[in-house]
Amino acid sequence: MLSVDEEHKRIGEQQATPETKRRRHNSIGSTMAKELNAEQKTIVKMYVTRSSDSVKCCYCEKEITSRNVDRWASHLRGCVKTPEDIKMQIQPFRSLGTSQTSGTSPAQAEQTTPRSEETVSSAVVNAAPAAAANVAAAPAPAPHGMPTPNRMSNGYNEVFKVHVSKDYMKFNAAHFIAYKGFRERLHGHNYRLAVTITGQVGPDGYVVDFGEIKKISRVICKDLNESFLVPMNSDSLKISFDGTNVHILTEDMAKFSFPKADCSLLPIVHSSAEELAIYISNQLIDSFTLVALLERGVRKIEVSISEANQQFASYERSILA
């Protein structure tokens, strides 16, 4: 026959949910506090939206009443929409202290044999690497050279492309193709430029800002506009200078002389659309800087050069560290 108190305890245990039992188990007899390290707190802040009067979860859009980062982390770990890898990164580790099992009473704990100072020191030494391992397991949100993830990312192998081809991304230039045993007649084209950048969406919602692509492309086109394209690395042309002019001698002994100010001296072998695309791709990367592109998660840059309607050459370059 159970007493009234024992009967109430038995009924309470039967009605307790698994979540209630888990919390009760974690709270009984534990004197160790759960803590987030600085890197974990930074990760937590990435996945909440903060304003002057509210904090909201980026996954479920629910408001979090507390202004405490640990409470934000607790909400994210409990949110069904939070990806499992994010939950793992913000799991707190326990600070050092005295732990009791759920079945040990305070009186029984006092009767246990106290540890010597040597034993306690050993525990601290052994616990430190474990804590350090936990810190290492939670990577920083954006280490140098690595992209910061976008909160809308679903964790799959996503690929985004931005494409820019504006009316003002054009230049008019003269040239002729020359290689061993062949030379074109001098002529010109109304070139058009298009740029496609492939990569990840950053925390600002961009792969790369359209405005930056347009600004750099404008400068490149302006430098090439209304000029004669000189392939300085040509293997069939003899190129010389006399101060203000550029002189070109071809294999068939044709001689050309242009004012240096009217020429674009390019580090290419042939002034073809293909090699112009390579040159412009390098100019884009130099302007953005390789470090900035890597940090944004850019994977490829594709440049297309059109000499005429429905006639273009494309060059695609992978961005590697």
C-alpha atoms as a PDB file:
ATOM      1  CA  MET A   1       0.000   0.000   0.000  1.00  0.00           C
ATOM      2  CA  LEU A   2       1.502   3.344  -1.077  1.00  0.00           C
ATOM      3  CA  SER A   3       1.235   6.453   1.027  1.00  0.00           C
ATOM      4  CA  VAL A   4      -0.556   9.512  -0.380  1.00  0.00           C
ATOM      5  CA  ASP A   5       2.764  11.242  -1.124  1.00  0.00           C
ATOM      6  CA  GLU A   6       4.173   8.156  -2.826  1.00  0.00           C
ATOM      7  CA  GLU A   7       0.974   7.746  -4.865  1.00  0.00           C
ATOM      8  CA  HIS A   8       1.158  11.377  -6.041  1.00  0.00           C
ATOM      9  CA  LYS A   9       4.813  10.893  -6.968  1.00  0.00           C
ATOM     10  CA  ARG A  10       3.976   7.741  -8.947  1.00  0.00           C
ATOM     11  CA  ILE A  11       1.164   9.494 -10.857  1.00  0.00           C
ATOM     12  CA  GLY A  12       3.410  12.479 -11.539  1.00  0.00           C
ATOM     13  CA  GLU A  13       6.097  10.218 -13.006  1.00  0.00           C
ATOM     14  CA  GLN A  14       3.564   8.512 -15.267  1.00  0.00           C
ATOM     15  CA  GLN A  15       2.208  11.825 -16.588  1.00  0.00           C
ATOM     16  CA  ALA A  16       5.587  13.472 -17.093  1.00  0.00           C
ATOM     17  CA  THR A  17       6.553  13.990 -20.724  1.00  0.00           C
ATOM     18  CA  PRO A  18       9.992  12.936 -22.006  1.00  0.00           C
ATOM     19  CA  GLU A  19      10.957  16.626 -22.201  1.00  0.00           C
ATOM     20  CA  THR A  20       9.943  17.160 -18.559  1.00  0.00           C
ATOM     21  CA  LYS A  21      11.953  14.115 -17.482  1.00  0.00           C
ATOM     22  CA  ARG A  22      14.988  15.321 -19.435  1.00  0.00           C
ATOM     23  CA  ARG A  23      14.891  18.760 -17.844  1.00  0.00           C
ATOM     24  CA  ARG A  24      14.340  17.271 -14.401  1.00  0.00           C
ATOM     25  CA  HIS A  25      17.290  14.934 -14.906  1.00  0.00           C
ATOM     26  CA  ASN A  26      19.538  17.799 -16.015  1.00  0.00           C
ATOM     27  CA  SER A  27      18.520  20.036 -13.115  1.00  0.00           C
ATOM     28  CA  ILE A  28      18.892  17.535 -10.218  1.00  0.00           C
ATOM     29  CA  GLY A  29      22.144  17.717  -8.359  1.00  0.00           C
ATOM     30  CA  SER A  30      24.137  19.571 -11.030  1.00  0.00           C
ATOM     31  CA  THR A  31      26.247  22.540  -9.995  1.00  0.00           C
ATOM     32  CA  MET A  32      27.913  23.005 -13.387  1.00  0.00           C
ATOM     33  CA  ALA A  33      26.730  25.900 -15.546  1.00  0.00           C
ATOM     34  CA  LYS A  34      26.219  25.569 -19.295  1.00  0.00           C
ATOM     35  CA  GLU A  35      28.252  28.111 -21.185  1.00  0.00           C
ATOM     36  CA  LEU A  36      28.650  29.309 -24.769  1.00  0.00           C
ATOM     37  CA  ASN A  37      32.075  30.419 -25.883  1.00  0.00           C
ATOM     38  CA  ALA A  38      32.603  33.674 -27.779  1.00  0.00           C
ATOM     39  CA  GLU A  39      32.621  31.994 -31.193  1.00  0.00           C
ATOM     40  CA  GLN A  40      29.360  30.186 -30.455  1.00  0.00           C
ATOM     41  CA  LYS A  41      27.735  33.458 -29.384  1.00  0.00           C
ATOM     42  CA  THR A  42      28.819  34.998 -32.677  1.00  0.00           C
ATOM     43  CA  ILE A  43      27.166  32.122 -34.550  1.00  0.00           C
ATOM     44  CA  VAL A  44      23.955  32.557 -32.536  1.00  0.00           C
ATOM     45  CA  LYS A  45      23.804  36.263 -33.408  1.00  0.00           C
ATOM     46  CA  MET A  46      23.960  35.364 -37.104  1.00  0.00           C
ATOM     47  CA  TYR A  47      20.666  33.481 -36.908  1.00  0.00           C
ATOM     48  CA  VAL A  48      18.513  36.024 -35.102  1.00  0.00           C
ATOM     49  CA  THR A  49      17.148  39.310 -36.412  1.00  0.00           C
ATOM     50  CA  ARG A  50      17.639  42.152 -33.976  1.00  0.00           C
ATOM     51  CA  SER A  51      15.963  45.536 -33.852  1.00  0.00           C
ATOM     52  CA  SER A  52      15.730  48.212 -31.181  1.00  0.00           C
ATOM     53  CA  ASP A  53      12.683  46.619 -29.561  1.00  0.00           C
ATOM     54  CA  SER A  54      12.664  42.936 -30.534  1.00  0.00           C
ATOM     55  CA  VAL A  55      14.690  39.830 -31.324  1.00  0.00           C
ATOM     56  CA  LYS A  56      13.339  37.220 -33.753  1.00  0.00           C
ATOM     57  CA  CYS A  57      14.450  33.756 -34.827  1.00  0.00           C
ATOM     58  CA  CYS A  58      15.491  33.762 -38.482  1.00  0.00           C
ATOM     59  CA  TYR A  59      14.008  30.307 -39.049  1.00  0.00           C
ATOM     60  CA  CYS A  60      10.544  30.422 -37.441  1.00  0.00           C
ATOM     61  CA  GLU A  61      10.200  34.249 -37.230  1.00  0.00           C
ATOM     62  CA  LYS A  62       9.017  33.981 -33.625  1.00  0.00           C
ATOM     63  CA  GLU A  63       9.942  36.752 -31.224  1.00  0.00           C
ATOM     64  CA  ILE A  64      12.396  35.901 -28.454  1.00  0.00           C
ATOM     65  CA  THR A  65      11.486  37.935 -25.384  1.00  0.00           C
ATOM     66  CA  SER A  66      14.892  37.720 -23.717  1.00  0.00           C
ATOM     67  CA  ARG A  67      17.835  39.952 -24.664  1.00  0.00           C
ATOM     68  CA  ASN A  68      20.285  37.288 -23.474  1.00  0.00           C
ATOM     69  CA  VAL A  69      22.384  35.455 -26.084  1.00  0.00           C
ATOM     70  CA  ASP A  70      22.144  32.175 -24.155  1.00  0.00           C
ATOM     71  CA  ARG A  71      18.349  32.357 -24.356  1.00  0.00           C
ATOM     72  CA  TRP A  72      18.582  33.000 -28.094  1.00  0.00           C
ATOM     73  CA  ALA A  73      20.756  29.901 -28.394  1.00  0.00           C
ATOM     74  CA  SER A  74      18.269  27.896 -26.349  1.00  0.00           C
ATOM     75  CA  HIS A  75      15.454  28.964 -28.687  1.00  0.00           C
ATOM     76  CA  LEU A  76      17.472  28.044 -31.793  1.00  0.00           C
ATOM     77  CA  ARG A  77      18.307  24.609 -30.383  1.00  0.00           C
ATOM     78  CA  GLY A  78      14.625  24.008 -29.665  1.00  0.00           C
ATOM     79  CA  CYS A  79      13.311  25.378 -32.975  1.00  0.00           C
ATOM     80  CA  VAL A  80      12.222  22.577 -35.319  1.00  0.00           C
ATOM     81  CA  LYS A  81      13.289  24.643 -38.344  1.00  0.00           C
ATOM     82  CA  THR A  82      16.877  25.173 -37.208  1.00  0.00           C
ATOM     83  CA  PRO A  83      19.245  22.906 -39.223  1.00  0.00           C
ATOM     84  CA  GLU A  84      20.903  20.162 -37.196  1.00  0.00           C
ATOM     85  CA  ASP A  85      24.404  21.349 -38.051  1.00  0.00           C
ATOM     86  CA  ILE A  86      23.623  24.778 -36.587  1.00  0.00           C
ATOM     87  CA  LYS A  87      22.217  23.165 -33.435  1.00  0.00           C
ATOM     88  CA  MET A  88      25.423  21.168 -33.034  1.00  0.00           C
ATOM     89  CA  GLN A  89      27.575  24.291 -33.369  1.00  0.00           C
ATOM     90  CA  ILE A  90      25.757  26.099 -30.555  1.00  0.00           C
ATOM     91  CA  GLN A  91      25.608  23.237 -28.048  1.00  0.00           C
ATOM     92  CA  PRO A  92      26.965  24.638 -24.758  1.00  0.00           C
ATOM     93  CA  PHE A  93      29.636  22.882 -22.739  1.00  0.00           C
ATOM     94  CA  ARG A  94      29.592  22.651 -18.971  1.00  0.00           C
ATOM     95  CA  SER A  95      31.962  24.656 -16.834  1.00  0.00           C
ATOM     96  CA  LEU A  96      33.971  22.791 -14.191  1.00  0.00           C
ATOM     97  CA  GLY A  97      32.195  21.969 -10.958  1.00  0.00           C
ATOM     98  CA  THR A  98      30.865  19.110  -8.810  1.00  0.00           C
ATOM     99  CA  SER A  99      28.375  16.817 -10.510  1.00  0.00           C
ATOM    100  CA  GLN A 100      25.912  14.441  -8.888  1.00  0.00           C
ATOM    101  CA  THR A 101      23.880  11.733 -10.558  1.00  0.00           C
ATOM    102  CA  SER A 102      20.116  12.051 -10.550  1.00  0.00           C
ATOM    103  CA  GLY A 103      19.824   9.347  -7.912  1.00  0.00           C
ATOM    104  CA  THR A 104      22.306  10.834  -5.452  1.00  0.00           C
ATOM    105  CA  SER A 105      21.026  13.017  -2.632  1.00  0.00           C
ATOM    106  CA  PRO A 106      23.031  15.894  -1.115  1.00  0.00           C
ATOM    107  CA  ALA A 107      23.520  13.871   2.051  1.00  0.00           C
ATOM    108  CA  GLN A 108      24.946  10.945   0.072  1.00  0.00           C
ATOM    109  CA  ALA A 109      27.193  13.336  -1.828  1.00  0.00           C
ATOM    110  CA  GLU A 110      28.644  14.613   1.446  1.00  0.00           C
ATOM    111  CA  GLN A 111      29.409  11.017   2.495  1.00  0.00           C
ATOM    112  CA  THR A 112      31.457  10.300  -0.631  1.00  0.00           C
ATOM    113  CA  THR A 113      35.219  10.316  -0.264  1.00  0.00           C
ATOM    114  CA  PRO A 114      36.521  13.846  -0.966  1.00  0.00           C
ATOM    115  CA  ARG A 115      39.020  14.126  -3.792  1.00  0.00           C
ATOM    116  CA  SER A 116      42.525  15.244  -3.002  1.00  0.00           C
ATOM    117  CA  GLU A 117      43.989  18.403  -4.521  1.00  0.00           C
ATOM    118  CA  GLU A 118      46.023  16.198  -6.843  1.00  0.00           C
ATOM    119  CA  THR A 119      42.860  14.506  -8.147  1.00  0.00           C
ATOM    120  CA  VAL A 120      41.095  17.839  -8.664  1.00  0.00           C
ATOM    121  CA  SER A 121      44.112  19.216 -10.529  1.00  0.00           C
ATOM    122  CA  SER A 122      44.133  16.135 -12.729  1.00  0.00           C
ATOM    123  CA  ALA A 123      40.446  16.644 -13.516  1.00  0.00           C
ATOM    124  CA  VAL A 124      41.078  20.248 -14.502  1.00  0.00           C
ATOM    125  CA  VAL A 125      43.977  19.259 -16.772  1.00  0.00           C
ATOM    126  CA  ASN A 126      41.910  16.507 -18.403  1.00  0.00           C
ATOM    127  CA  ALA A 127      38.851  18.720 -18.798  1.00  0.00           C
ATOM    128  CA  ALA A 128      40.735  21.568 -20.462  1.00  0.00           C
ATOM    129  CA  PRO A 129      41.546  19.658 -23.690  1.00  0.00           C
ATOM    130  CA  ALA A 130      37.934  18.459 -23.825  1.00  0.00           C
ATOM    131  CA  ALA A 131      36.666  22.017 -23.545  1.00  0.00           C
ATOM    132  CA  ALA A 132      39.168  23.112 -26.177  1.00  0.00           C
ATOM    133  CA  ALA A 133      37.950  20.319 -28.457  1.00  0.00           C
ATOM    134  CA  ASN A 134      34.392  21.582 -28.054  1.00  0.00           C
ATOM    135  CA  VAL A 135      35.501  25.084 -28.996  1.00  0.00           C
ATOM    136  CA  ALA A 136      37.355  23.770 -32.059  1.00  0.00           C
ATOM    137  CA  ALA A 137      34.300  21.751 -33.079  1.00  0.00           C
ATOM    138  CA  ALA A 138      32.288  24.962 -33.419  1.00  0.00           C
ATOM    139  CA  PRO A 139      33.930  26.746 -36.366  1.00  0.00           C
ATOM    140  CA  ALA A 140      34.006  30.492 -36.572  1.00  0.00           C
ATOM    141  CA  PRO A 141      31.299  31.853 -38.843  1.00  0.00           C
ATOM    142  CA  ALA A 142      33.694  33.363 -41.351  1.00  0.00           C
ATOM    143  CA  PRO A 143      37.362  32.401 -41.058  1.00  0.00           C
ATOM    144  CA  HIS A 144      39.744  34.324 -43.303  1.00  0.00           C
ATOM    145  CA  GLY A 145      39.295  33.340 -46.927  1.00  0.00           C
ATOM    146  CA  MET A 146      36.030  31.480 -46.292  1.00  0.00           C
ATOM    147  CA  PRO A 147      32.549  32.794 -47.135  1.00  0.00           C
ATOM    148  CA  THR A 148      30.056  33.715 -44.432  1.00  0.00           C
ATOM    149  CA  PRO A 149      26.912  31.593 -44.972  1.00  0.00           C
ATOM    150  CA  ASN A 150      23.577  33.150 -45.841  1.00  0.00           C
ATOM    151  CA  ARG A 151      20.794  32.422 -43.342  1.00  0.00           C
ATOM    152  CA  MET A 152      18.435  31.408 -46.159  1.00  0.00           C
ATOM    153  CA  SER A 153      20.827  28.682 -47.300  1.00  0.00           C
ATOM    154  CA  ASN A 154      19.383  25.181 -47.028  1.00  0.00           C
ATOM    155  CA  GLY A 155      22.740  23.472 -46.640  1.00  0.00           C
ATOM    156  CA  TYR A 156      22.734  21.791 -50.048  1.00  0.00           C
ATOM    157  CA  ASN A 157      25.300  22.313 -52.797  1.00  0.00           C
ATOM    158  CA  GLU A 158      23.713  25.555 -53.962  1.00  0.00           C
ATOM    159  CA  VAL A 159      24.910  27.486 -56.992  1.00  0.00           C
ATOM    160  CA  PHE A 160      23.852  31.045 -57.768  1.00  0.00           C
ATOM    161  CA  LYS A 161      24.718  33.125 -60.825  1.00  0.00           C
ATOM    162  CA  VAL A 162      24.529  36.852 -61.422  1.00  0.00           C
ATOM    163  CA  HIS A 163      24.678  38.107 -64.998  1.00  0.00           C
ATOM    164  CA  VAL A 164      25.287  41.664 -66.187  1.00  0.00           C
ATOM    165  CA  SER A 165      25.082  42.834 -69.810  1.00  0.00           C
ATOM    166  CA  LYS A 166      24.214  46.518 -70.097  1.00  0.00           C
ATOM    167  CA  ASP A 167      23.989  48.763 -73.161  1.00  0.00           C
ATOM    168  CA  TYR A 168      26.960  50.809 -71.958  1.00  0.00           C
ATOM    169  CA  MET A 169      29.167  47.709 -71.504  1.00  0.00           C
ATOM    170  CA  LYS A 170      30.666  48.106 -74.980  1.00  0.00           C
ATOM    171  CA  PHE A 171      33.711  49.493 -76.763  1.00  0.00           C
ATOM    172  CA  ASN A 172      34.637  50.250 -80.368  1.00  0.00           C
ATOM    173  CA  ALA A 173      38.132  49.177 -81.381  1.00  0.00           C
ATOM    174  CA  ALA A 174      40.309  48.376 -84.408  1.00  0.00           C
ATOM    175  CA  HIS A 175      42.553  45.332 -84.770  1.00  0.00           C
ATOM    176  CA  PHE A 176      43.766  42.581 -87.024  1.00  0.00           C
ATOM    177  CA  ILE A 177      44.532  38.961 -86.228  1.00  0.00           C
ATOM    178  CA  ALA A 178      48.053  37.836 -87.098  1.00  0.00           C
ATOM    179  CA  TYR A 179      49.712  34.472 -86.661  1.00  0.00           C
ATOM    180  CA  LYS A 180      52.439  32.548 -88.473  1.00  0.00           C
ATOM    181  CA  GLY A 181      51.629  32.652 -92.175  1.00  0.00           C
ATOM    182  CA  PHE A 182      48.447  34.742 -91.884  1.00  0.00           C
ATOM    183  CA  ARG A 183      47.328  38.319 -91.306  1.00  0.00           C
ATOM    184  CA  GLU A 184      43.892  39.883 -91.440  1.00  0.00           C
ATOM    185  CA  ARG A 185      43.268  43.264 -92.973  1.00  0.00           C
ATOM    186  CA  LEU A 186      42.931  46.117 -90.524  1.00  0.00           C
ATOM    187  CA  HIS A 187      39.307  46.429 -89.432  1.00  0.00           C
ATOM    188  CA  GLY A 188      37.196  47.103 -86.341  1.00  0.00           C
ATOM    189  CA  HIS A 189      34.265  45.888 -84.242  1.00  0.00           C
ATOM    190  CA  ASN A 190      31.609  47.236 -81.948  1.00  0.00           C
ATOM    191  CA  TYR A 191      32.433  44.929 -79.047  1.00  0.00           C
ATOM    192  CA  ARG A 192      29.951  44.115 -76.301  1.00  0.00           C
ATOM    193  CA  LEU A 193      30.816  42.741 -72.869  1.00  0.00           C
ATOM    194  CA  ALA A 194      28.807  40.435 -70.590  1.00  0.00           C
ATOM    195  CA  VAL A 195      29.868  39.168 -67.162  1.00  0.00           C
ATOM    196  CA  THR A 196      28.515  36.171 -65.231  1.00  0.00           C
ATOM    197  CA  ILE A 197      29.678  35.405 -61.686  1.00  0.00           C
ATOM    198  CA  THR A 198      28.916  32.091 -59.976  1.00  0.00           C
ATOM    199  CA  GLY A 199      29.075  31.555 -56.221  1.00  0.00           C
ATOM    200  CA  GLN A 200      27.257  31.513 -52.909  1.00  0.00           C
ATOM    201  CA  VAL A 201      24.812  34.054 -51.580  1.00  0.00           C
ATOM    202  CA  GLY A 202      26.430  36.044 -48.781  1.00  0.00           C
ATOM    203  CA  PRO A 203      24.809  37.336 -45.573  1.00  0.00           C
ATOM    204  CA  ASP A 204      23.892  40.538 -47.439  1.00  0.00           C
ATOM    205  CA  GLY A 205      21.814  38.547 -49.954  1.00  0.00           C
ATOM    206  CA  TYR A 206      24.279  39.021 -52.840  1.00  0.00           C
ATOM    207  CA  VAL A 207      26.700  36.797 -54.711  1.00  0.00           C
ATOM    208  CA  VAL A 208      28.337  40.039 -55.844  1.00  0.00           C
ATOM    209  CA  ASP A 209      26.718  43.455 -55.950  1.00  0.00           C
ATOM    210  CA  PHE A 210      25.492  44.235 -59.496  1.00  0.00           C
ATOM    211  CA  GLY A 211      26.680  47.792 -59.002  1.00  0.00           C
ATOM    212  CA  GLU A 212      30.280  46.691 -58.472  1.00  0.00           C
ATOM    213  CA  ILE A 213      30.262  44.579 -61.642  1.00  0.00           C
ATOM    214  CA  LYS A 214      28.858  47.477 -63.665  1.00  0.00           C
ATOM    215  CA  LYS A 215      31.302  50.005 -62.224  1.00  0.00           C
ATOM    216  CA  ILE A 216      34.372  47.883 -63.017  1.00  0.00           C
ATOM    217  CA  SER A 217      33.054  46.939 -66.475  1.00  0.00           C
ATOM    218  CA  ARG A 218      32.501  50.611 -67.339  1.00  0.00           C
ATOM    219  CA  VAL A 219      36.145  51.409 -66.580  1.00  0.00           C
ATOM    220  CA  ILE A 220      37.440  48.461 -68.633  1.00  0.00           C
ATOM    221  CA  CYS A 221      35.298  49.380 -71.643  1.00  0.00           C
ATOM    222  CA  LYS A 222      36.283  53.039 -71.405  1.00  0.00           C
ATOM    223  CA  ASP A 223      39.988  52.145 -71.478  1.00  0.00           C
ATOM    224  CA  LEU A 224      39.559  50.023 -74.632  1.00  0.00           C
ATOM    225  CA  ASN A 225      37.113  52.285 -76.454  1.00  0.00           C
ATOM    226  CA  GLU A 226      38.212  53.959 -79.717  1.00  0.00           C
ATOM    227  CA  SER A 227      41.658  52.408 -79.707  1.00  0.00           C
ATOM    228  CA  PHE A 228      43.813  50.060 -81.747  1.00  0.00           C
ATOM    229  CA  LEU A 229      44.322  46.751 -79.924  1.00  0.00           C
ATOM    230  CA  VAL A 230      48.007  45.823 -79.857  1.00  0.00           C
ATOM    231  CA  PRO A 231      48.819  42.199 -78.850  1.00  0.00           C
ATOM    232  CA  MET A 232      52.143  42.865 -77.121  1.00  0.00           C
ATOM    233  CA  ASN A 233      53.003  39.144 -76.795  1.00  0.00           C
ATOM    234  CA  SER A 234      52.484  38.397 -80.500  1.00  0.00           C
ATOM    235  CA  ASP A 235      54.714  35.693 -81.980  1.00  0.00           C
ATOM    236  CA  SER A 236      54.410  37.024 -85.542  1.00  0.00           C
ATOM    237  CA  LEU A 237      54.510  40.830 -85.220  1.00  0.00           C
ATOM    238  CA  LYS A 238      57.546  43.015 -84.613  1.00  0.00           C
ATOM    239  CA  ILE A 239      56.468  45.840 -82.315  1.00  0.00           C
ATOM    240  CA  SER A 240      58.640  48.865 -81.557  1.00  0.00           C
ATOM    241  CA  PHE A 241      58.286  52.380 -80.137  1.00  0.00           C
ATOM    242  CA  ASP A 242      59.854  55.715 -80.961  1.00  0.00           C
ATOM    243  CA  GLY A 243      58.530  57.764 -78.053  1.00  0.00           C
ATOM    244  CA  THR A 244      55.083  58.827 -79.215  1.00  0.00           C
ATOM    245  CA  ASN A 245      54.273  56.166 -81.816  1.00  0.00           C
ATOM    246  CA  VAL A 246      53.847  52.407 -81.935  1.00  0.00           C
ATOM    247  CA  HIS A 247      55.309  50.710 -85.022  1.00  0.00           C
ATOM    248  CA  ILE A 248      54.210  47.253 -86.164  1.00  0.00           C
ATOM    249  CA  LEU A 249      55.922  45.164 -88.856  1.00  0.00           C
ATOM    250  CA  THR A 250      54.095  42.055 -90.090  1.00  0.00           C
ATOM    251  CA  GLU A 251      55.482  38.894 -91.702  1.00  0.00           C
ATOM    252  CA  ASP A 252      54.341  40.100 -95.133  1.00  0.00           C
ATOM    253  CA  MET A 253      56.379  43.276 -94.522  1.00  0.00           C
ATOM    254  CA  ALA A 254      53.343  45.515 -94.046  1.00  0.00           C
ATOM    255  CA  LYS A 255      54.144  48.462 -91.782  1.00  0.00           C
ATOM    256  CA  PHE A 256      51.734  50.185 -89.414  1.00  0.00           C
ATOM    257  CA  SER A 257      52.314  53.223 -87.248  1.00  0.00           C
ATOM    258  CA  PHE A 258      49.838  54.473 -84.647  1.00  0.00           C
ATOM    259  CA  PRO A 259      49.988  57.204 -82.016  1.00  0.00           C
ATOM    260  CA  LYS A 260      50.733  55.489 -78.744  1.00  0.00           C
ATOM    261  CA  ALA A 261      47.895  57.395 -77.058  1.00  0.00           C
ATOM    262  CA  ASP A 262      45.456  55.768 -79.514  1.00  0.00           C
ATOM    263  CA  CYS A 263      46.592  52.224 -78.733  1.00  0.00           C
ATOM    264  CA  SER A 264      45.658  49.707 -76.049  1.00  0.00           C
ATOM    265  CA  LEU A 265      48.818  47.728 -75.302  1.00  0.00           C
ATOM    266  CA  LEU A 266      47.477  44.379 -74.129  1.00  0.00           C
ATOM    267  CA  PRO A 267      49.376  41.395 -72.621  1.00  0.00           C
ATOM    268  CA  ILE A 268      47.922  38.931 -75.156  1.00  0.00           C
ATOM    269  CA  VAL A 269      49.244  36.993 -78.180  1.00  0.00           C
ATOM    270  CA  HIS A 270      46.321  37.656 -80.525  1.00  0.00           C
ATOM    271  CA  SER A 271      43.640  40.335 -80.432  1.00  0.00           C
ATOM    272  CA  SER A 272      40.898  37.719 -80.769  1.00  0.00           C
ATOM    273  CA  ALA A 273      37.619  37.792 -78.857  1.00  0.00           C
ATOM    274  CA  GLU A 274      38.805  34.745 -76.908  1.00  0.00           C
ATOM    275  CA  GLU A 275      41.986  36.392 -75.658  1.00  0.00           C
ATOM    276  CA  LEU A 276      40.189  39.666 -74.993  1.00  0.00           C
ATOM    277  CA  ALA A 277      37.832  37.688 -72.733  1.00  0.00           C
ATOM    278  CA  ILE A 278      40.847  36.313 -70.832  1.00  0.00           C
ATOM    279  CA  TYR A 279      42.308  39.804 -70.462  1.00  0.00           C
ATOM    280  CA  ILE A 280      39.045  41.315 -69.206  1.00  0.00           C
ATOM    281  CA  SER A 281      38.526  38.404 -66.797  1.00  0.00           C
ATOM    282  CA  ASN A 282      41.932  39.124 -65.260  1.00  0.00           C
ATOM    283  CA  GLN A 283      41.060  42.821 -65.038  1.00  0.00           C
ATOM    284  CA  LEU A 284      37.835  42.008 -63.187  1.00  0.00           C
ATOM    285  CA  ILE A 285      39.615  39.753 -60.697  1.00  0.00           C
ATOM    286  CA  ASP A 286      42.335  42.349 -60.104  1.00  0.00           C
ATOM    287  CA  SER A 287      39.696  45.020 -59.468  1.00  0.00           C
ATOM    288  CA  PHE A 288      37.603  42.907 -57.088  1.00  0.00           C
ATOM    289  CA  THR A 289      40.798  41.334 -55.616  1.00  0.00           C
ATOM    290  CA  LEU A 290      41.145  37.574 -55.287  1.00  0.00           C
ATOM    291  CA  VAL A 291      40.880  37.731 -51.489  1.00  0.00           C
ATOM    292  CA  ALA A 292      37.526  39.538 -51.615  1.00  0.00           C
ATOM    293  CA  LEU A 293      36.127  37.058 -54.158  1.00  0.00           C
ATOM    294  CA  LEU A 294      37.198  34.076 -52.040  1.00  0.00           C
ATOM    295  CA  GLU A 295      35.697  35.606 -48.913  1.00  0.00           C
ATOM    296  CA  ARG A 296      32.381  36.041 -50.739  1.00  0.00           C
ATOM    297  CA  GLY A 297      32.399  32.426 -51.924  1.00  0.00           C
ATOM    298  CA  VAL A 298      32.744  33.246 -55.631  1.00  0.00           C
ATOM    299  CA  ARG A 299      33.580  30.104 -57.605  1.00  0.00           C
ATOM    300  CA  LYS A 300      33.692  31.213 -61.232  1.00  0.00           C
ATOM    301  CA  ILE A 301      33.835  34.309 -63.399  1.00  0.00           C
ATOM    302  CA  GLU A 302      32.648  34.064 -67.002  1.00  0.00           C
ATOM    303  CA  VAL A 303      33.328  36.833 -69.519  1.00  0.00           C
ATOM    304  CA  SER A 304      31.688  36.971 -72.947  1.00  0.00           C
ATOM    305  CA  ILE A 305      32.931  39.229 -75.749  1.00  0.00           C
ATOM    306  CA  SER A 306      30.694  39.797 -78.746  1.00  0.00           C
ATOM    307  CA  GLU A 307      32.107  41.104 -82.036  1.00  0.00           C
ATOM    308  CA  ALA A 308      28.726  41.135 -83.767  1.00  0.00           C
ATOM    309  CA  ASN A 309      25.133  40.094 -83.170  1.00  0.00           C
ATOM    310  CA  GLN A 310      24.921  36.387 -82.232  1.00  0.00           C
ATOM    311  CA  GLN A 311      28.712  36.064 -82.473  1.00  0.00           C
ATOM    312  CA  PHE A 312      30.657  35.927 -79.225  1.00  0.00           C
ATOM    313  CA  ALA A 313      33.401  34.117 -77.345  1.00  0.00           C
ATOM    314  CA  SER A 314      33.222  33.200 -73.656  1.00  0.00           C
ATOM    315  CA  TYR A 315      35.951  32.516 -71.131  1.00  0.00           C
ATOM    316  CA  GLU A 316      35.239  30.890 -67.779  1.00  0.00           C
ATOM    317  CA  ARG A 317      37.751  30.994 -64.942  1.00  0.00           C
ATOM    318  CA  SER A 318      37.507  29.141 -61.638  1.00  0.00           C
ATOM    319  CA  ILE A 319      38.421  31.113 -58.525  1.00  0.00           C
ATOM    320  CA  LEU A 320      40.898  29.078 -56.493  1.00  0.00           C
ATOM    321  CA  ALA A 321      42.741  29.964 -53.303  1.00  0.00           C
END
